[in-house]
Amino acid sequence: MTDKVAIIDDDKDYAFVLSRALEKFEMELTAFSSPSDFFEAKGLDYNIFDCVLVDLDLPDVSGITWDFAGMTIVKTVRDVVRSDCVVGIHSGFDKRSVLASAKRHGADVFLTKQSDMSKVCEIIAGHIRNRRAQGL
């Protein structure tokens, strides 16, 4: 079975590299360049996703506005996906200071974008396996 991962990130190069890396782990990536692209996609069945990653540094959402706007995005993603879907936040910077707030709003994991894409994929795969094992 191929796990399906969605990413909301304006960095198309990162999404491309992540897509290639996920293929090696038998995962398929669907990329959205903004929250509105994700939430307004016509005919999109959100239940197909095993994991949704939200970039911490989206235009008009990053920095000081993240705590409200970004957490609203995470909460809204959590509301539209199935209950066993892993919802994560990822960033090019280690901003773990938002982790507690992110978890309160429904995020399961914080990932730092890194050059070792295998590690990122292993973390995603592990969280998906754990959610399935918990029967959520």
N, C-alpha and C. Protein backbone atom coordinates (compact mmCIF):
# COMPACT_ATOMS: atom_id res chain seq x y z
N MET A 1 0.84 -1.18 0.00
CA MET A 1 0.00 0.00 0.00
C MET A 1 0.89 1.24 0.00
N THR A 2 0.56 2.18 -0.84
CA THR A 2 1.30 3.43 -0.92
C THR A 2 0.68 4.45 0.03
N ASP A 3 1.48 4.97 0.95
CA ASP A 3 1.00 6.02 1.84
C ASP A 3 0.98 7.33 1.07
N LYS A 4 0.00 8.16 1.38
CA LYS A 4 -0.17 9.43 0.68
C LYS A 4 0.11 10.58 1.64
N VAL A 5 0.99 11.46 1.20
CA VAL A 5 1.41 12.60 1.99
C VAL A 5 1.06 13.87 1.23
N ALA A 6 0.49 14.85 1.93
CA ALA A 6 0.25 16.17 1.35
C ALA A 6 1.20 17.15 2.04
N ILE A 7 1.66 18.12 1.28
CA ILE A 7 2.51 19.16 1.85
C ILE A 7 1.96 20.51 1.43
N ILE A 8 1.86 21.42 2.39
CA ILE A 8 1.47 22.80 2.12
C ILE A 8 2.74 23.62 2.33
N ASP A 9 3.35 24.01 1.21
CA ASP A 9 4.66 24.68 1.26
C ASP A 9 4.85 25.46 -0.03
N ASP A 10 5.26 26.70 0.08
CA ASP A 10 5.48 27.52 -1.11
C ASP A 10 6.82 27.22 -1.79
N ASP A 11 7.66 26.41 -1.17
CA ASP A 11 8.98 26.06 -1.73
C ASP A 11 8.82 24.83 -2.63
N LYS A 12 8.65 25.08 -3.92
CA LYS A 12 8.41 24.00 -4.87
C LYS A 12 9.62 23.09 -5.03
N ASP A 13 10.81 23.63 -4.88
CA ASP A 13 12.02 22.80 -4.97
C ASP A 13 12.06 21.79 -3.82
N TYR A 14 11.72 22.24 -2.62
CA TYR A 14 11.71 21.33 -1.48
C TYR A 14 10.65 20.24 -1.69
N ALA A 15 9.49 20.64 -2.16
CA ALA A 15 8.43 19.65 -2.41
C ALA A 15 8.87 18.62 -3.44
N PHE A 16 9.59 19.06 -4.46
CA PHE A 16 10.06 18.13 -5.49
C PHE A 16 11.06 17.13 -4.90
N VAL A 17 12.02 17.63 -4.13
CA VAL A 17 13.03 16.77 -3.52
C VAL A 17 12.37 15.80 -2.53
N LEU A 18 11.43 16.30 -1.74
CA LEU A 18 10.72 15.44 -0.79
C LEU A 18 9.92 14.37 -1.53
N SER A 19 9.32 14.74 -2.64
CA SER A 19 8.54 13.79 -3.44
C SER A 19 9.42 12.63 -3.90
N ARG A 20 10.59 12.94 -4.41
CA ARG A 20 11.53 11.91 -4.88
C ARG A 20 11.98 11.01 -3.72
N ALA A 21 12.24 11.61 -2.59
CA ALA A 21 12.68 10.82 -1.43
C ALA A 21 11.56 9.92 -0.92
N LEU A 22 10.33 10.42 -0.90
CA LEU A 22 9.21 9.63 -0.41
C LEU A 22 8.94 8.42 -1.29
N GLU A 23 9.21 8.56 -2.60
CA GLU A 23 9.01 7.44 -3.52
C GLU A 23 9.82 6.21 -3.07
N LYS A 24 11.00 6.44 -2.54
CA LYS A 24 11.85 5.34 -2.09
C LYS A 24 11.25 4.63 -0.87
N PHE A 25 10.34 5.31 -0.18
CA PHE A 25 9.68 4.75 0.99
C PHE A 25 8.24 4.32 0.64
N GLU A 26 7.98 4.21 -0.64
CA GLU A 26 6.65 3.84 -1.14
C GLU A 26 5.57 4.79 -0.65
N MET A 27 5.90 6.08 -0.70
CA MET A 27 4.94 7.12 -0.35
C MET A 27 4.80 8.06 -1.54
N GLU A 28 3.64 8.64 -1.65
CA GLU A 28 3.33 9.54 -2.76
C GLU A 28 3.00 10.92 -2.20
N LEU A 29 3.57 11.96 -2.82
CA LEU A 29 3.38 13.32 -2.33
C LEU A 29 2.47 14.11 -3.26
N THR A 30 1.54 14.85 -2.66
CA THR A 30 0.75 15.84 -3.37
C THR A 30 1.10 17.18 -2.75
N ALA A 31 1.56 18.11 -3.58
CA ALA A 31 2.03 19.40 -3.07
C ALA A 31 1.00 20.50 -3.34
N PHE A 32 0.86 21.36 -2.36
CA PHE A 32 0.01 22.55 -2.44
C PHE A 32 0.87 23.73 -2.04
N SER A 33 0.83 24.80 -2.82
CA SER A 33 1.73 25.93 -2.56
C SER A 33 1.20 26.91 -1.52
N SER A 34 -0.04 26.73 -1.11
CA SER A 34 -0.60 27.62 -0.10
C SER A 34 -1.75 26.91 0.61
N PRO A 35 -2.13 27.40 1.78
CA PRO A 35 -3.29 26.81 2.45
C PRO A 35 -4.55 26.88 1.60
N SER A 36 -4.74 28.00 0.90
CA SER A 36 -5.94 28.11 0.07
C SER A 36 -5.94 27.08 -1.05
N ASP A 37 -4.77 26.77 -1.63
CA ASP A 37 -4.70 25.72 -2.65
C ASP A 37 -5.18 24.39 -2.07
N PHE A 38 -4.80 24.11 -0.84
CA PHE A 38 -5.20 22.86 -0.19
C PHE A 38 -6.69 22.85 0.13
N PHE A 39 -7.16 23.90 0.80
CA PHE A 39 -8.54 23.91 1.27
C PHE A 39 -9.57 24.16 0.16
N GLU A 40 -9.13 24.75 -0.94
CA GLU A 40 -10.07 25.06 -2.02
C GLU A 40 -9.92 24.14 -3.23
N ALA A 41 -9.14 23.09 -3.10
CA ALA A 41 -8.95 22.16 -4.21
C ALA A 41 -10.28 21.47 -4.54
N LYS A 42 -10.70 21.62 -5.77
CA LYS A 42 -11.98 21.05 -6.22
C LYS A 42 -11.92 19.53 -6.23
N GLY A 43 -12.87 18.91 -5.61
CA GLY A 43 -12.99 17.46 -5.66
C GLY A 43 -11.95 16.68 -4.88
N LEU A 44 -11.16 17.37 -4.06
CA LEU A 44 -10.12 16.70 -3.29
C LEU A 44 -10.74 15.91 -2.14
N ASP A 45 -10.41 14.63 -2.06
CA ASP A 45 -10.85 13.79 -0.96
C ASP A 45 -9.74 13.80 0.09
N TYR A 46 -9.95 14.56 1.16
CA TYR A 46 -8.93 14.69 2.21
C TYR A 46 -8.66 13.37 2.92
N ASN A 47 -9.59 12.43 2.82
CA ASN A 47 -9.45 11.15 3.50
C ASN A 47 -8.39 10.25 2.88
N ILE A 48 -7.85 10.63 1.72
CA ILE A 48 -6.81 9.79 1.10
C ILE A 48 -5.45 9.99 1.77
N PHE A 49 -5.28 11.08 2.51
CA PHE A 49 -3.98 11.42 3.06
C PHE A 49 -3.69 10.71 4.38
N ASP A 50 -2.49 10.15 4.45
CA ASP A 50 -2.00 9.53 5.68
C ASP A 50 -1.21 10.54 6.51
N CYS A 51 -0.76 11.61 5.87
CA CYS A 51 0.04 12.63 6.54
C CYS A 51 -0.12 13.95 5.78
N VAL A 52 -0.25 15.05 6.52
CA VAL A 52 -0.26 16.39 5.93
C VAL A 52 0.77 17.21 6.67
N LEU A 53 1.72 17.78 5.92
CA LEU A 53 2.74 18.65 6.49
C LEU A 53 2.46 20.10 6.14
N VAL A 54 2.55 20.97 7.11
CA VAL A 54 2.31 22.40 6.92
C VAL A 54 3.62 23.14 7.19
N ASP A 55 4.05 23.95 6.23
CA ASP A 55 5.28 24.73 6.40
C ASP A 55 5.06 25.81 7.44
N LEU A 56 6.00 25.95 8.32
CA LEU A 56 5.93 26.98 9.35
C LEU A 56 6.16 28.37 8.77
N ASP A 57 6.82 28.45 7.63
CA ASP A 57 7.22 29.75 7.08
C ASP A 57 6.49 30.07 5.78
N LEU A 58 5.18 29.97 5.79
CA LEU A 58 4.38 30.32 4.62
C LEU A 58 4.27 31.84 4.51
N PRO A 59 4.26 32.38 3.30
CA PRO A 59 4.07 33.82 3.16
C PRO A 59 2.77 34.26 3.84
N ASP A 60 2.81 35.39 4.48
CA ASP A 60 1.66 35.98 5.17
C ASP A 60 1.21 35.19 6.39
N VAL A 61 1.96 34.15 6.78
CA VAL A 61 1.57 33.36 7.94
C VAL A 61 2.72 33.20 8.91
N SER A 62 3.94 33.41 8.46
CA SER A 62 5.11 33.12 9.29
C SER A 62 5.34 34.21 10.32
N GLY A 63 6.36 33.98 11.12
CA GLY A 63 6.78 34.98 12.10
C GLY A 63 5.73 35.22 13.17
N ILE A 64 5.47 36.48 13.45
CA ILE A 64 4.60 36.84 14.56
C ILE A 64 3.18 36.36 14.36
N THR A 65 2.74 36.23 13.11
CA THR A 65 1.37 35.80 12.86
C THR A 65 1.20 34.30 12.96
N TRP A 66 2.30 33.53 13.06
CA TRP A 66 2.17 32.07 13.04
C TRP A 66 1.29 31.55 14.16
N ASP A 67 1.46 32.06 15.35
CA ASP A 67 0.75 31.49 16.48
C ASP A 67 -0.76 31.48 16.24
N PHE A 68 -1.30 32.52 15.63
CA PHE A 68 -2.74 32.52 15.36
C PHE A 68 -3.06 31.90 14.01
N ALA A 69 -2.51 32.48 12.95
CA ALA A 69 -2.87 32.01 11.60
C ALA A 69 -2.37 30.60 11.33
N GLY A 70 -1.13 30.33 11.69
CA GLY A 70 -0.57 29.00 11.45
C GLY A 70 -1.29 27.93 12.23
N MET A 71 -1.59 28.20 13.47
CA MET A 71 -2.29 27.21 14.27
C MET A 71 -3.71 27.02 13.76
N THR A 72 -4.31 28.07 13.22
CA THR A 72 -5.62 27.94 12.60
C THR A 72 -5.55 26.99 11.41
N ILE A 73 -4.47 27.09 10.64
CA ILE A 73 -4.28 26.18 9.51
C ILE A 73 -4.16 24.74 10.00
N VAL A 74 -3.33 24.51 11.01
CA VAL A 74 -3.15 23.17 11.56
C VAL A 74 -4.48 22.63 12.08
N LYS A 75 -5.22 23.43 12.82
CA LYS A 75 -6.51 22.99 13.36
C LYS A 75 -7.48 22.67 12.23
N THR A 76 -7.50 23.49 11.20
CA THR A 76 -8.41 23.26 10.08
C THR A 76 -8.03 22.00 9.33
N VAL A 77 -6.72 21.78 9.13
CA VAL A 77 -6.28 20.52 8.50
C VAL A 77 -6.76 19.35 9.35
N ARG A 78 -6.53 19.43 10.64
CA ARG A 78 -6.95 18.35 11.55
C ARG A 78 -8.45 18.09 11.43
N ASP A 79 -9.23 19.15 11.24
CA ASP A 79 -10.68 19.01 11.14
C ASP A 79 -11.14 18.34 9.85
N VAL A 80 -10.37 18.47 8.76
CA VAL A 80 -10.85 17.94 7.47
C VAL A 80 -10.27 16.57 7.12
N VAL A 81 -9.18 16.16 7.76
CA VAL A 81 -8.57 14.86 7.43
C VAL A 81 -9.14 13.79 8.36
N ARG A 82 -8.88 12.53 8.01
CA ARG A 82 -9.36 11.44 8.87
C ARG A 82 -8.59 11.44 10.19
N SER A 83 -9.16 10.82 11.19
CA SER A 83 -8.60 10.91 12.54
C SER A 83 -7.22 10.28 12.68
N ASP A 84 -6.88 9.31 11.82
CA ASP A 84 -5.56 8.68 11.93
C ASP A 84 -4.50 9.36 11.08
N CYS A 85 -4.84 10.44 10.43
CA CYS A 85 -3.88 11.18 9.60
C CYS A 85 -2.87 11.90 10.50
N VAL A 86 -1.61 11.77 10.17
CA VAL A 86 -0.55 12.49 10.89
C VAL A 86 -0.50 13.92 10.36
N VAL A 87 -0.60 14.89 11.25
CA VAL A 87 -0.51 16.29 10.86
C VAL A 87 0.78 16.84 11.46
N GLY A 88 1.63 17.38 10.58
CA GLY A 88 2.93 17.87 11.04
C GLY A 88 3.22 19.28 10.60
N ILE A 89 4.13 19.89 11.31
CA ILE A 89 4.65 21.21 10.95
C ILE A 89 6.11 21.00 10.59
N HIS A 90 6.57 21.69 9.55
CA HIS A 90 7.98 21.60 9.21
C HIS A 90 8.51 22.98 8.87
N SER A 91 9.80 23.14 9.07
CA SER A 91 10.42 24.44 8.88
C SER A 91 11.89 24.27 8.53
N GLY A 92 12.43 25.24 7.84
CA GLY A 92 13.86 25.27 7.56
C GLY A 92 14.66 25.66 8.78
N PHE A 93 13.99 26.12 9.81
CA PHE A 93 14.65 26.55 11.05
C PHE A 93 14.10 25.73 12.20
N ASP A 94 14.91 25.53 13.20
CA ASP A 94 14.47 24.78 14.37
C ASP A 94 13.69 25.73 15.28
N LYS A 95 12.39 25.73 15.11
CA LYS A 95 11.53 26.62 15.88
C LYS A 95 10.65 25.81 16.81
N ARG A 96 11.26 25.01 17.61
CA ARG A 96 10.50 24.13 18.50
C ARG A 96 9.69 24.91 19.53
N SER A 97 9.92 26.20 19.61
CA SER A 97 9.15 27.01 20.55
C SER A 97 7.66 26.99 20.21
N VAL A 98 7.32 26.69 18.97
CA VAL A 98 5.91 26.64 18.59
C VAL A 98 5.31 25.25 18.80
N LEU A 99 6.13 24.28 19.18
CA LEU A 99 5.67 22.90 19.25
C LEU A 99 4.52 22.70 20.23
N ALA A 100 4.60 23.27 21.41
CA ALA A 100 3.52 23.09 22.39
C ALA A 100 2.22 23.66 21.87
N SER A 101 2.29 24.85 21.28
CA SER A 101 1.09 25.45 20.71
C SER A 101 0.56 24.62 19.55
N ALA A 102 1.48 24.10 18.72
CA ALA A 102 1.09 23.28 17.57
C ALA A 102 0.37 22.03 18.03
N LYS A 103 0.88 21.39 19.08
CA LYS A 103 0.25 20.17 19.58
C LYS A 103 -1.14 20.45 20.14
N ARG A 104 -1.30 21.58 20.81
CA ARG A 104 -2.62 21.95 21.32
C ARG A 104 -3.63 22.12 20.18
N HIS A 105 -3.14 22.49 19.02
CA HIS A 105 -4.02 22.71 17.87
C HIS A 105 -4.11 21.51 16.94
N GLY A 106 -3.52 20.39 17.31
CA GLY A 106 -3.71 19.17 16.54
C GLY A 106 -2.51 18.65 15.78
N ALA A 107 -1.35 19.28 15.89
CA ALA A 107 -0.16 18.78 15.19
C ALA A 107 0.42 17.59 15.97
N ASP A 108 0.91 16.61 15.22
CA ASP A 108 1.50 15.42 15.82
C ASP A 108 3.02 15.48 15.88
N VAL A 109 3.63 16.23 14.96
CA VAL A 109 5.08 16.19 14.84
C VAL A 109 5.60 17.53 14.31
N PHE A 110 6.82 17.86 14.72
CA PHE A 110 7.54 19.02 14.17
C PHE A 110 8.78 18.48 13.47
N LEU A 111 8.94 18.81 12.20
CA LEU A 111 10.10 18.37 11.42
C LEU A 111 10.91 19.58 10.99
N THR A 112 12.22 19.47 11.10
CA THR A 112 13.10 20.49 10.57
C THR A 112 13.52 20.05 9.17
N LYS A 113 13.34 20.95 8.20
CA LYS A 113 13.78 20.63 6.84
C LYS A 113 15.29 20.42 6.90
N GLN A 114 15.74 19.36 6.31
CA GLN A 114 17.16 19.08 6.34
C GLN A 114 17.59 18.42 5.05
N SER A 115 18.89 18.38 4.85
CA SER A 115 19.40 17.79 3.61
C SER A 115 19.28 16.28 3.60
N ASP A 116 19.19 15.66 4.77
CA ASP A 116 19.04 14.21 4.85
C ASP A 116 17.55 13.87 4.75
N MET A 117 17.08 13.79 3.51
CA MET A 117 15.66 13.55 3.28
C MET A 117 15.24 12.16 3.73
N SER A 118 16.17 11.21 3.76
CA SER A 118 15.84 9.88 4.24
C SER A 118 15.36 9.93 5.69
N LYS A 119 16.02 10.76 6.48
CA LYS A 119 15.63 10.90 7.89
C LYS A 119 14.22 11.48 8.00
N VAL A 120 13.92 12.49 7.19
CA VAL A 120 12.58 13.09 7.18
C VAL A 120 11.55 12.03 6.82
N CYS A 121 11.84 11.24 5.78
CA CYS A 121 10.92 10.19 5.33
C CYS A 121 10.73 9.12 6.40
N GLU A 122 11.81 8.75 7.08
CA GLU A 122 11.72 7.75 8.15
C GLU A 122 10.83 8.25 9.29
N ILE A 123 10.95 9.52 9.62
CA ILE A 123 10.13 10.10 10.69
C ILE A 123 8.66 10.09 10.27
N ILE A 124 8.38 10.50 9.04
CA ILE A 124 7.00 10.50 8.54
C ILE A 124 6.45 9.07 8.56
N ALA A 125 7.21 8.13 8.00
CA ALA A 125 6.76 6.73 7.94
C ALA A 125 6.52 6.18 9.35
N GLY A 126 7.40 6.51 10.28
CA GLY A 126 7.24 6.04 11.65
C GLY A 126 5.98 6.57 12.31
N HIS A 127 5.68 7.83 12.08
CA HIS A 127 4.47 8.41 12.66
C HIS A 127 3.21 7.79 12.04
N ILE A 128 3.24 7.54 10.74
CA ILE A 128 2.10 6.89 10.09
C ILE A 128 1.90 5.49 10.67
N ARG A 129 2.98 4.73 10.79
CA ARG A 129 2.89 3.38 11.38
C ARG A 129 2.34 3.42 12.81
N ASN A 130 2.84 4.36 13.60
CA ASN A 130 2.39 4.47 14.99
C ASN A 130 0.90 4.80 15.08
N ARG A 131 0.44 5.70 14.23
CA ARG A 131 -0.99 6.07 14.24
C ARG A 131 -1.83 4.86 13.88
N ARG A 132 -1.39 4.09 12.89
CA ARG A 132 -2.15 2.90 12.50
C ARG A 132 -2.16 1.87 13.62
N ALA A 133 -1.01 1.69 14.28
CA ALA A 133 -0.91 0.72 15.36
C ALA A 133 -1.81 1.09 16.54
N GLN A 134 -2.00 2.39 16.74
CA GLN A 134 -2.86 2.86 17.82
C GLN A 134 -4.34 2.71 17.48
N GLY A 135 -4.61 2.45 16.19
CA GLY A 135 -5.99 2.27 15.76
C GLY A 135 -6.80 3.54 15.80
N LEU A 136 -6.13 4.67 15.62
CA LEU A 136 -6.85 5.96 15.63
C LEU A 136 -7.57 6.19 14.34
